[in-house]
Amino acid sequence: MKIKASVTAQKLLNLYRQEHVIFGGWAAVNQVFINESTPEILKELRELPTGKNLVKHIENLRSGKTPMDSIERDLLPYGGMMAQSVATIPLTNAEWTELEKGINEFTPDEDGLHKLQQLPIIKKFGNQWLVAIRAVLSAKPQLLDKWLIVDKTYQAYHLWNVASDILKQPLSERTRAQLQADMPEYETYLPLFGDAGAELLKKLRSLITTIKTSEQEEA
């Protein structure tokens, strides 16, 4: 039971941190928080980084203090900086030209990703570049479809690297819980690498099988 609660707690925390890129925003994720946050999961959340803020937010939702489409400002993930900063930096005409050229010339491979990330306009947004550019492109929605290809390519290589690192070292319970919570992402992106991706995904699934076996033994 403890492992299963850890998995769900990590999934809820992921939703909390990524609300700014989830369709439906707080109205969508708050319903998930209400439906899935059992006492055991709330206990697990309190042990995770920033988890106490999410617990407080869930308590506010259940009491009616916070509307189902909102969150208190002081409980926003990242102190609210993510939501406030990504779409508020204006671009110059030169930066727009640079960005459009970079997106139009992007190739969905590791070299293309590296080339794009070296652009000054991308570096301008630091670690928030992927979400920030997506927000900026609300002014030029005709480029969003091409940006989704960039996003997909980045997620694929990021998850490939994370998965490879997971398999190189012994797993803690927390890491395994995170792996199970993120499996839908791995199942979406790793197949993009063909046979190598399928083999890596197979190894990750074998770890999930170990988790399920442990749960059955505890039950």
C-alpha atoms as a PDB file:
ATOM      1  CA  MET A   1       0.000   0.000   0.000  1.00  0.00           C
ATOM      2  CA  LYS A   2       2.869   2.368   0.846  1.00  0.00           C
ATOM      3  CA  ILE A   3       4.397   2.077  -2.631  1.00  0.00           C
ATOM      4  CA  LYS A   4       1.079   2.659  -4.344  1.00  0.00           C
ATOM      5  CA  ALA A   5       0.424   5.776  -2.235  1.00  0.00           C
ATOM      6  CA  SER A   6       3.905   7.058  -3.091  1.00  0.00           C
ATOM      7  CA  VAL A   7       3.239   6.622  -6.799  1.00  0.00           C
ATOM      8  CA  THR A   8      -0.031   8.533  -6.679  1.00  0.00           C
ATOM      9  CA  ALA A   9       1.437  11.247  -4.459  1.00  0.00           C
ATOM     10  CA  GLN A  10       4.250  11.831  -6.947  1.00  0.00           C
ATOM     11  CA  LYS A  11       1.764  11.935  -9.829  1.00  0.00           C
ATOM     12  CA  LEU A  12      -0.293  14.604  -8.048  1.00  0.00           C
ATOM     13  CA  LEU A  13       2.827  16.614  -7.321  1.00  0.00           C
ATOM     14  CA  ASN A  14       3.790  16.419 -11.004  1.00  0.00           C
ATOM     15  CA  LEU A  15       0.359  17.791 -11.948  1.00  0.00           C
ATOM     16  CA  TYR A  16       0.751  20.577  -9.407  1.00  0.00           C
ATOM     17  CA  ARG A  17       4.122  21.602 -10.806  1.00  0.00           C
ATOM     18  CA  GLN A  18       3.064  21.350 -14.456  1.00  0.00           C
ATOM     19  CA  GLU A  19      -0.399  22.954 -14.304  1.00  0.00           C
ATOM     20  CA  HIS A  20       0.822  25.806 -16.494  1.00  0.00           C
ATOM     21  CA  VAL A  21       1.141  23.471 -19.497  1.00  0.00           C
ATOM     22  CA  ILE A  22      -1.926  21.282 -18.887  1.00  0.00           C
ATOM     23  CA  PHE A  23      -5.037  21.937 -20.943  1.00  0.00           C
ATOM     24  CA  GLY A  24      -7.785  23.127 -18.622  1.00  0.00           C
ATOM     25  CA  GLY A  25      -5.401  24.524 -16.012  1.00  0.00           C
ATOM     26  CA  TRP A  26      -6.448  24.520 -12.367  1.00  0.00           C
ATOM     27  CA  ALA A  27     -10.029  23.578 -13.170  1.00  0.00           C
ATOM     28  CA  ALA A  28      -8.738  20.309 -14.613  1.00  0.00           C
ATOM     29  CA  VAL A  29      -6.043  19.372 -12.113  1.00  0.00           C
ATOM     30  CA  ASN A  30      -7.990  20.420  -9.009  1.00  0.00           C
ATOM     31  CA  GLN A  31     -10.615  17.785  -9.751  1.00  0.00           C
ATOM     32  CA  VAL A  32      -7.875  15.153  -9.868  1.00  0.00           C
ATOM     33  CA  PHE A  33      -6.510  16.366  -6.536  1.00  0.00           C
ATOM     34  CA  ILE A  34      -9.929  16.024  -4.907  1.00  0.00           C
ATOM     35  CA  ASN A  35     -10.651  12.603  -6.377  1.00  0.00           C
ATOM     36  CA  GLU A  36      -7.298  10.939  -5.661  1.00  0.00           C
ATOM     37  CA  SER A  37      -5.940  12.450  -2.435  1.00  0.00           C
ATOM     38  CA  THR A  38      -6.644   9.836   0.233  1.00  0.00           C
ATOM     39  CA  PRO A  39      -5.234  10.225   3.781  1.00  0.00           C
ATOM     40  CA  GLU A  40      -2.373   7.873   2.875  1.00  0.00           C
ATOM     41  CA  ILE A  41      -1.509   9.953  -0.192  1.00  0.00           C
ATOM     42  CA  LEU A  42      -1.662  13.217   1.752  1.00  0.00           C
ATOM     43  CA  LYS A  43       0.751  11.693   4.260  1.00  0.00           C
ATOM     44  CA  GLU A  44       3.147  10.830   1.426  1.00  0.00           C
ATOM     45  CA  LEU A  45       2.806  14.320  -0.075  1.00  0.00           C
ATOM     46  CA  ARG A  46       3.916  15.943   3.169  1.00  0.00           C
ATOM     47  CA  GLU A  47       7.253  14.142   2.817  1.00  0.00           C
ATOM     48  CA  LEU A  48       7.908  15.385  -0.730  1.00  0.00           C
ATOM     49  CA  PRO A  49       9.526  18.713  -1.707  1.00  0.00           C
ATOM     50  CA  THR A  50       6.760  21.361  -2.007  1.00  0.00           C
ATOM     51  CA  GLY A  51       4.266  18.643  -1.109  1.00  0.00           C
ATOM     52  CA  LYS A  52       3.066  20.528   1.974  1.00  0.00           C
ATOM     53  CA  ASN A  53       1.879  23.374  -0.237  1.00  0.00           C
ATOM     54  CA  LEU A  54      -0.117  20.951  -2.346  1.00  0.00           C
ATOM     55  CA  VAL A  55      -1.648  19.393   0.791  1.00  0.00           C
ATOM     56  CA  LYS A  56      -2.714  22.847   1.968  1.00  0.00           C
ATOM     57  CA  HIS A  57      -4.186  23.588  -1.456  1.00  0.00           C
ATOM     58  CA  ILE A  58      -6.171  20.337  -1.406  1.00  0.00           C
ATOM     59  CA  GLU A  59      -7.472  21.157   2.067  1.00  0.00           C
ATOM     60  CA  ASN A  60      -8.564  24.580   0.810  1.00  0.00           C
ATOM     61  CA  LEU A  61     -10.387  22.990  -2.112  1.00  0.00           C
ATOM     62  CA  ARG A  62     -12.238  20.546   0.126  1.00  0.00           C
ATOM     63  CA  SER A  63     -13.248  23.229   2.608  1.00  0.00           C
ATOM     64  CA  GLY A  64     -14.544  25.480  -0.158  1.00  0.00           C
ATOM     65  CA  LYS A  65     -12.065  28.220   0.693  1.00  0.00           C
ATOM     66  CA  THR A  66     -10.528  27.955  -2.770  1.00  0.00           C
ATOM     67  CA  PRO A  67     -12.772  27.700  -5.886  1.00  0.00           C
ATOM     68  CA  MET A  68     -12.290  24.628  -8.068  1.00  0.00           C
ATOM     69  CA  ASP A  69     -10.792  26.710 -10.874  1.00  0.00           C
ATOM     70  CA  SER A  70      -8.255  28.538  -8.733  1.00  0.00           C
ATOM     71  CA  ILE A  71      -5.426  28.400  -6.180  1.00  0.00           C
ATOM     72  CA  GLU A  72      -4.268  30.818  -3.484  1.00  0.00           C
ATOM     73  CA  ARG A  73      -1.415  33.004  -4.691  1.00  0.00           C
ATOM     74  CA  ASP A  74       0.945  31.996  -1.869  1.00  0.00           C
ATOM     75  CA  LEU A  75       0.475  28.307  -2.756  1.00  0.00           C
ATOM     76  CA  LEU A  76       1.363  28.637  -6.442  1.00  0.00           C
ATOM     77  CA  PRO A  77       4.161  26.255  -7.529  1.00  0.00           C
ATOM     78  CA  TYR A  78       7.546  27.929  -7.991  1.00  0.00           C
ATOM     79  CA  GLY A  79       6.194  30.866  -5.991  1.00  0.00           C
ATOM     80  CA  GLY A  80       4.074  31.818  -8.994  1.00  0.00           C
ATOM     81  CA  MET A  81       7.144  32.747 -11.015  1.00  0.00           C
ATOM     82  CA  MET A  82       6.487  30.199 -13.764  1.00  0.00           C
ATOM     83  CA  ALA A  83       2.997  31.437 -14.579  1.00  0.00           C
ATOM     84  CA  GLN A  84       3.952  35.112 -14.286  1.00  0.00           C
ATOM     85  CA  SER A  85       7.223  35.185 -16.193  1.00  0.00           C
ATOM     86  CA  VAL A  86       6.889  32.976 -19.248  1.00  0.00           C
ATOM     87  CA  ALA A  87       4.496  35.169 -21.232  1.00  0.00           C
ATOM     88  CA  THR A  88       5.427  38.635 -20.022  1.00  0.00           C
ATOM     89  CA  ILE A  89       8.793  39.198 -21.706  1.00  0.00           C
ATOM     90  CA  PRO A  90       8.235  41.029 -25.021  1.00  0.00           C
ATOM     91  CA  LEU A  91      10.281  40.120 -28.078  1.00  0.00           C
ATOM     92  CA  THR A  92      11.939  42.600 -30.391  1.00  0.00           C
ATOM     93  CA  ASN A  93      11.439  42.345 -34.143  1.00  0.00           C
ATOM     94  CA  ALA A  94      14.929  40.875 -34.443  1.00  0.00           C
ATOM     95  CA  GLU A  95      14.132  38.250 -31.805  1.00  0.00           C
ATOM     96  CA  TRP A  96      10.912  37.297 -33.581  1.00  0.00           C
ATOM     97  CA  THR A  97      12.856  36.878 -36.817  1.00  0.00           C
ATOM     98  CA  GLU A  98      15.447  34.726 -35.065  1.00  0.00           C
ATOM     99  CA  LEU A  99      12.778  32.604 -33.372  1.00  0.00           C
ATOM    100  CA  GLU A 100      10.714  32.032 -36.505  1.00  0.00           C
ATOM    101  CA  LYS A 101      13.819  31.108 -38.503  1.00  0.00           C
ATOM    102  CA  GLY A 102      14.927  28.679 -35.792  1.00  0.00           C
ATOM    103  CA  ILE A 103      11.521  26.999 -35.617  1.00  0.00           C
ATOM    104  CA  ASN A 104      11.153  26.745 -39.391  1.00  0.00           C
ATOM    105  CA  GLU A 105      14.634  25.239 -39.804  1.00  0.00           C
ATOM    106  CA  PHE A 106      14.318  22.834 -36.867  1.00  0.00           C
ATOM    107  CA  THR A 107      15.011  19.159 -37.534  1.00  0.00           C
ATOM    108  CA  PRO A 108      13.542  16.613 -35.063  1.00  0.00           C
ATOM    109  CA  ASP A 109      16.794  15.021 -33.962  1.00  0.00           C
ATOM    110  CA  GLU A 110      19.515  15.585 -31.388  1.00  0.00           C
ATOM    111  CA  ASP A 111      21.527  17.913 -33.618  1.00  0.00           C
ATOM    112  CA  GLY A 112      18.461  19.994 -34.427  1.00  0.00           C
ATOM    113  CA  LEU A 113      17.584  20.281 -30.761  1.00  0.00           C
ATOM    114  CA  HIS A 114      21.117  21.326 -29.838  1.00  0.00           C
ATOM    115  CA  LYS A 115      21.218  23.943 -32.606  1.00  0.00           C
ATOM    116  CA  LEU A 116      17.907  25.441 -31.486  1.00  0.00           C
ATOM    117  CA  GLN A 117      18.963  25.595 -27.845  1.00  0.00           C
ATOM    118  CA  GLN A 118      22.052  27.623 -28.806  1.00  0.00           C
ATOM    119  CA  LEU A 119      19.946  30.480 -30.174  1.00  0.00           C
ATOM    120  CA  PRO A 120      20.134  33.662 -28.044  1.00  0.00           C
ATOM    121  CA  ILE A 121      16.329  33.936 -28.032  1.00  0.00           C
ATOM    122  CA  ILE A 122      16.075  30.452 -26.489  1.00  0.00           C
ATOM    123  CA  LYS A 123      18.832  31.129 -23.950  1.00  0.00           C
ATOM    124  CA  LYS A 124      16.994  34.309 -22.954  1.00  0.00           C
ATOM    125  CA  PHE A 125      14.401  32.223 -21.111  1.00  0.00           C
ATOM    126  CA  GLY A 126      16.859  29.939 -19.337  1.00  0.00           C
ATOM    127  CA  ASN A 127      15.482  26.639 -18.047  1.00  0.00           C
ATOM    128  CA  GLN A 128      11.934  27.785 -18.773  1.00  0.00           C
ATOM    129  CA  TRP A 129      12.552  28.086 -22.517  1.00  0.00           C
ATOM    130  CA  LEU A 130      10.257  25.280 -23.653  1.00  0.00           C
ATOM    131  CA  VAL A 131       7.193  26.557 -21.810  1.00  0.00           C
ATOM    132  CA  ALA A 132       8.118  30.208 -22.297  1.00  0.00           C
ATOM    133  CA  ILE A 133       8.317  30.030 -26.089  1.00  0.00           C
ATOM    134  CA  ARG A 134       5.051  28.118 -26.193  1.00  0.00           C
ATOM    135  CA  ALA A 135       3.443  30.965 -24.239  1.00  0.00           C
ATOM    136  CA  VAL A 136       5.062  33.626 -26.422  1.00  0.00           C
ATOM    137  CA  LEU A 137       3.742  31.931 -29.547  1.00  0.00           C
ATOM    138  CA  SER A 138       0.181  32.700 -28.492  1.00  0.00           C
ATOM    139  CA  ALA A 139       0.856  35.872 -30.491  1.00  0.00           C
ATOM    140  CA  LYS A 140       1.672  33.798 -33.596  1.00  0.00           C
ATOM    141  CA  PRO A 141      -0.423  30.615 -33.350  1.00  0.00           C
ATOM    142  CA  GLN A 142       0.547  29.607 -36.887  1.00  0.00           C
ATOM    143  CA  LEU A 143       3.892  28.500 -35.424  1.00  0.00           C
ATOM    144  CA  LEU A 144       2.455  26.403 -32.599  1.00  0.00           C
ATOM    145  CA  ASP A 145       2.188  23.184 -34.618  1.00  0.00           C
ATOM    146  CA  LYS A 146       5.879  23.394 -35.484  1.00  0.00           C
ATOM    147  CA  TRP A 147       6.722  24.189 -31.858  1.00  0.00           C
ATOM    148  CA  LEU A 148       4.909  21.044 -30.768  1.00  0.00           C
ATOM    149  CA  ILE A 149       7.449  19.093 -32.833  1.00  0.00           C
ATOM    150  CA  VAL A 150      10.231  20.828 -30.890  1.00  0.00           C
ATOM    151  CA  ASP A 151       8.474  19.975 -27.623  1.00  0.00           C
ATOM    152  CA  LYS A 152       8.025  16.343 -28.629  1.00  0.00           C
ATOM    153  CA  THR A 153      11.671  16.018 -29.647  1.00  0.00           C
ATOM    154  CA  TYR A 154      12.907  17.561 -26.408  1.00  0.00           C
ATOM    155  CA  GLN A 155      10.686  15.341 -24.265  1.00  0.00           C
ATOM    156  CA  ALA A 156      11.846  12.248 -26.135  1.00  0.00           C
ATOM    157  CA  TYR A 157      15.568  12.901 -25.614  1.00  0.00           C
ATOM    158  CA  HIS A 158      15.043  14.070 -22.041  1.00  0.00           C
ATOM    159  CA  LEU A 159      13.173  10.885 -21.124  1.00  0.00           C
ATOM    160  CA  TRP A 160      15.731   8.754 -22.936  1.00  0.00           C
ATOM    161  CA  ASN A 161      18.481  10.237 -20.782  1.00  0.00           C
ATOM    162  CA  VAL A 162      16.478   9.918 -17.564  1.00  0.00           C
ATOM    163  CA  ALA A 163      15.561   6.306 -18.328  1.00  0.00           C
ATOM    164  CA  SER A 164      19.166   5.439 -19.134  1.00  0.00           C
ATOM    165  CA  ASP A 165      20.298   6.935 -15.811  1.00  0.00           C
ATOM    166  CA  ILE A 166      17.627   5.010 -13.890  1.00  0.00           C
ATOM    167  CA  LEU A 167      18.900   1.724 -15.260  1.00  0.00           C
ATOM    168  CA  LYS A 168      22.513   2.479 -14.308  1.00  0.00           C
ATOM    169  CA  GLN A 169      21.999   2.493 -10.554  1.00  0.00           C
ATOM    170  CA  PRO A 170      20.058   0.733  -7.785  1.00  0.00           C
ATOM    171  CA  LEU A 171      16.591   2.187  -7.342  1.00  0.00           C
ATOM    172  CA  SER A 172      15.167   3.685  -4.188  1.00  0.00           C
ATOM    173  CA  GLU A 173      11.474   3.344  -3.445  1.00  0.00           C
ATOM    174  CA  ARG A 174      10.973   7.002  -4.335  1.00  0.00           C
ATOM    175  CA  THR A 175      12.672   6.594  -7.698  1.00  0.00           C
ATOM    176  CA  ARG A 176      10.570   3.559  -8.494  1.00  0.00           C
ATOM    177  CA  ALA A 177       7.431   5.449  -7.491  1.00  0.00           C
ATOM    178  CA  GLN A 178       8.449   8.286  -9.814  1.00  0.00           C
ATOM    179  CA  LEU A 179       9.098   5.793 -12.603  1.00  0.00           C
ATOM    180  CA  GLN A 180       5.647   4.265 -12.315  1.00  0.00           C
ATOM    181  CA  ALA A 181       4.009   7.699 -12.233  1.00  0.00           C
ATOM    182  CA  ASP A 182       5.905   8.706 -15.388  1.00  0.00           C
ATOM    183  CA  MET A 183       5.385   5.486 -17.351  1.00  0.00           C
ATOM    184  CA  PRO A 184       2.702   6.979 -19.647  1.00  0.00           C
ATOM    185  CA  GLU A 185       5.301   9.548 -20.727  1.00  0.00           C
ATOM    186  CA  TYR A 186       7.912   6.887 -21.427  1.00  0.00           C
ATOM    187  CA  GLU A 187       5.347   4.850 -23.366  1.00  0.00           C
ATOM    188  CA  THR A 188       4.560   7.901 -25.480  1.00  0.00           C
ATOM    189  CA  TYR A 189       8.067   9.062 -26.326  1.00  0.00           C
ATOM    190  CA  LEU A 190      10.513   6.143 -26.177  1.00  0.00           C
ATOM    191  CA  PRO A 191       8.947   4.355 -29.192  1.00  0.00           C
ATOM    192  CA  LEU A 192      10.194   7.308 -31.249  1.00  0.00           C
ATOM    193  CA  PHE A 193      13.668   5.756 -30.980  1.00  0.00           C
ATOM    194  CA  GLY A 194      12.634   2.572 -32.803  1.00  0.00           C
ATOM    195  CA  ASP A 195      14.050  -0.760 -31.638  1.00  0.00           C
ATOM    196  CA  ALA A 196      16.403   0.887 -29.153  1.00  0.00           C
ATOM    197  CA  GLY A 197      13.506   2.759 -27.581  1.00  0.00           C
ATOM    198  CA  ALA A 198      11.393  -0.373 -27.433  1.00  0.00           C
ATOM    199  CA  GLU A 199      14.182  -2.234 -25.660  1.00  0.00           C
ATOM    200  CA  LEU A 200      14.648   0.572 -23.135  1.00  0.00           C
ATOM    201  CA  LEU A 201      10.902   0.677 -22.509  1.00  0.00           C
ATOM    202  CA  LYS A 202      10.903  -3.081 -21.945  1.00  0.00           C
ATOM    203  CA  LYS A 203      13.545  -2.710 -19.233  1.00  0.00           C
ATOM    204  CA  LEU A 204      11.566   0.041 -17.521  1.00  0.00           C
ATOM    205  CA  ARG A 205       8.418  -2.069 -17.580  1.00  0.00           C
ATOM    206  CA  SER A 206      10.311  -4.881 -15.880  1.00  0.00           C
ATOM    207  CA  LEU A 207      10.917  -2.503 -12.970  1.00  0.00           C
ATOM    208  CA  ILE A 208       7.191  -1.734 -12.822  1.00  0.00           C
ATOM    209  CA  THR A 209       6.511  -5.466 -12.642  1.00  0.00           C
ATOM    210  CA  THR A 210       8.805  -5.598  -9.615  1.00  0.00           C
ATOM    211  CA  ILE A 211       6.761  -2.812  -8.007  1.00  0.00           C
ATOM    212  CA  LYS A 212       3.492  -4.628  -8.579  1.00  0.00           C
ATOM    213  CA  THR A 213       4.934  -7.852  -7.184  1.00  0.00           C
ATOM    214  CA  SER A 214       6.033  -6.011  -4.040  1.00  0.00           C
ATOM    215  CA  GLU A 215       2.540  -4.533  -3.636  1.00  0.00           C
ATOM    216  CA  GLN A 216       0.942  -7.969  -3.906  1.00  0.00           C
ATOM    217  CA  GLU A 217       3.348  -9.402  -1.322  1.00  0.00           C
ATOM    218  CA  GLU A 218       2.548  -6.572   1.106  1.00  0.00           C
ATOM    219  CA  ALA A 219      -1.190  -7.072   0.581  1.00  0.00           C
END
